[in-house]
Amino acid sequence: MADNAEVYKTIEKAKNVSYPVLVPNIAGFENALKAGVKEIAIFGAASETFTKKNINCTIVRLIIFLFFFIFFFIFGMD
């Protein structure tokens, strides 16, 4: 998923079409913002094994990550 932002920057975007980018972590979120992404998709899991294999973090770290997004969308980054 490291190249999601790069793909977003290079595709031709049609009017009235949504182009969400899957963001699995803070670095992915920052890259998406730099690329001008207007919509993101985040995901989580209830299984420690799934989370470690697919998101490369623990559930506790994932929860912190999700709270970051909640804070960001309520208060912004400024």
C-alpha atoms as a PDB file:
ATOM      1  CA  MET A   1       0.000   0.000   0.000  1.00  0.00           C
ATOM      2  CA  ALA A   2       3.025   2.255  -0.015  1.00  0.00           C
ATOM      3  CA  ASP A   3       2.193   3.458  -3.520  1.00  0.00           C
ATOM      4  CA  ASN A   4      -1.497   4.343  -2.999  1.00  0.00           C
ATOM      5  CA  ALA A   5      -0.773   8.063  -3.016  1.00  0.00           C
ATOM      6  CA  GLU A   6       1.365   7.716  -6.143  1.00  0.00           C
ATOM      7  CA  VAL A   7      -1.430   5.864  -7.955  1.00  0.00           C
ATOM      8  CA  TYR A   8      -3.906   8.516  -6.846  1.00  0.00           C
ATOM      9  CA  LYS A   9      -1.717  11.294  -8.249  1.00  0.00           C
ATOM     10  CA  THR A  10      -1.314   9.612 -11.644  1.00  0.00           C
ATOM     11  CA  ILE A  11      -4.846   8.418 -12.457  1.00  0.00           C
ATOM     12  CA  GLU A  12      -7.190  10.546 -14.516  1.00  0.00           C
ATOM     13  CA  LYS A  13     -10.077  11.474 -12.241  1.00  0.00           C
ATOM     14  CA  ALA A  14     -13.603  11.698 -13.583  1.00  0.00           C
ATOM     15  CA  LYS A  15     -16.020  14.336 -12.343  1.00  0.00           C
ATOM     16  CA  ASN A  16     -18.463  13.240  -9.604  1.00  0.00           C
ATOM     17  CA  VAL A  17     -16.505  10.052  -8.877  1.00  0.00           C
ATOM     18  CA  SER A  18     -15.190   9.183  -5.429  1.00  0.00           C
ATOM     19  CA  TYR A  19     -11.565   8.035  -5.151  1.00  0.00           C
ATOM     20  CA  PRO A  20     -10.994   6.860  -1.570  1.00  0.00           C
ATOM     21  CA  VAL A  21      -7.501   5.710  -0.644  1.00  0.00           C
ATOM     22  CA  LEU A  22      -6.981   2.880   1.833  1.00  0.00           C
ATOM     23  CA  VAL A  23      -4.893   4.225   4.708  1.00  0.00           C
ATOM     24  CA  PRO A  24      -3.517   1.578   7.093  1.00  0.00           C
ATOM     25  CA  ASN A  25      -1.309   3.838   9.249  1.00  0.00           C
ATOM     26  CA  ILE A  26      -0.180   7.397   9.997  1.00  0.00           C
ATOM     27  CA  ALA A  27       2.510   7.371   7.287  1.00  0.00           C
ATOM     28  CA  GLY A  28      -0.079   6.329   4.711  1.00  0.00           C
ATOM     29  CA  PHE A  29      -2.377   9.083   5.919  1.00  0.00           C
ATOM     30  CA  GLU A  30       0.360  11.707   5.628  1.00  0.00           C
ATOM     31  CA  ASN A  31       1.222  10.505   2.113  1.00  0.00           C
ATOM     32  CA  ALA A  32      -2.435  10.654   1.130  1.00  0.00           C
ATOM     33  CA  LEU A  33      -2.713  14.247   2.358  1.00  0.00           C
ATOM     34  CA  LYS A  34       0.421  15.232   0.419  1.00  0.00           C
ATOM     35  CA  ALA A  35      -1.067  13.670  -2.731  1.00  0.00           C
ATOM     36  CA  GLY A  36      -4.253  15.709  -2.360  1.00  0.00           C
ATOM     37  CA  VAL A  37      -6.520  12.802  -1.483  1.00  0.00           C
ATOM     38  CA  LYS A  38      -9.970  14.041  -0.487  1.00  0.00           C
ATOM     39  CA  GLU A  39     -11.378  10.770   0.873  1.00  0.00           C
ATOM     40  CA  ILE A  40      -9.748   7.980   2.852  1.00  0.00           C
ATOM     41  CA  ALA A  41     -10.772   4.545   4.035  1.00  0.00           C
ATOM     42  CA  ILE A  42      -9.436   3.146   7.292  1.00  0.00           C
ATOM     43  CA  PHE A  43      -9.957  -0.314   8.663  1.00  0.00           C
ATOM     44  CA  GLY A  44      -9.350  -2.373  11.764  1.00  0.00           C
ATOM     45  CA  ALA A  45      -9.728  -5.905  13.012  1.00  0.00           C
ATOM     46  CA  ALA A  46     -10.657  -7.672  16.219  1.00  0.00           C
ATOM     47  CA  SER A  47      -7.991 -10.356  15.860  1.00  0.00           C
ATOM     48  CA  GLU A  48      -4.432  -9.680  17.007  1.00  0.00           C
ATOM     49  CA  THR A  49      -3.106 -12.118  14.396  1.00  0.00           C
ATOM     50  CA  PHE A  50      -5.009 -10.496  11.526  1.00  0.00           C
ATOM     51  CA  THR A  51      -3.959  -7.039  12.657  1.00  0.00           C
ATOM     52  CA  LYS A  52      -0.290  -8.000  12.857  1.00  0.00           C
ATOM     53  CA  LYS A  53      -0.280  -9.759   9.480  1.00  0.00           C
ATOM     54  CA  ASN A  54      -2.374  -7.244   7.520  1.00  0.00           C
ATOM     55  CA  ILE A  55      -1.776  -3.892   9.182  1.00  0.00           C
ATOM     56  CA  ASN A  56       1.580  -4.661  10.806  1.00  0.00           C
ATOM     57  CA  CYS A  57       0.654  -3.433  14.276  1.00  0.00           C
ATOM     58  CA  THR A  58      -1.015  -4.549  17.481  1.00  0.00           C
ATOM     59  CA  ILE A  59      -4.677  -3.938  18.269  1.00  0.00           C
ATOM     60  CA  VAL A  60      -3.652  -1.388  20.914  1.00  0.00           C
ATOM     61  CA  ARG A  61      -1.612   0.533  18.346  1.00  0.00           C
ATOM     62  CA  LEU A  62      -4.503   0.294  15.874  1.00  0.00           C
ATOM     63  CA  ILE A  63      -6.904   1.778  18.440  1.00  0.00           C
ATOM     64  CA  ILE A  64      -4.490   4.670  19.025  1.00  0.00           C
ATOM     65  CA  PHE A  65      -4.321   5.154  15.248  1.00  0.00           C
ATOM     66  CA  LEU A  66      -8.132   5.234  15.009  1.00  0.00           C
ATOM     67  CA  PHE A  67      -8.335   7.783  17.834  1.00  0.00           C
ATOM     68  CA  PHE A  68      -5.841   9.922  15.915  1.00  0.00           C
ATOM     69  CA  PHE A  69      -8.284  10.016  13.000  1.00  0.00           C
ATOM     70  CA  ILE A  70     -11.203  10.865  15.232  1.00  0.00           C
ATOM     71  CA  PHE A  71      -9.183  13.730  16.727  1.00  0.00           C
ATOM     72  CA  PHE A  72      -8.030  14.887  13.290  1.00  0.00           C
ATOM     73  CA  PHE A  73     -11.526  15.028  11.860  1.00  0.00           C
ATOM     74  CA  ILE A  74     -12.953  16.798  14.896  1.00  0.00           C
ATOM     75  CA  PHE A  75     -10.171  19.320  15.501  1.00  0.00           C
ATOM     76  CA  GLY A  76      -8.037  19.315  12.322  1.00  0.00           C
ATOM     77  CA  MET A  77      -4.253  19.223  12.038  1.00  0.00           C
ATOM     78  CA  ASP A  78      -3.526  22.943  12.584  1.00  0.00           C
END
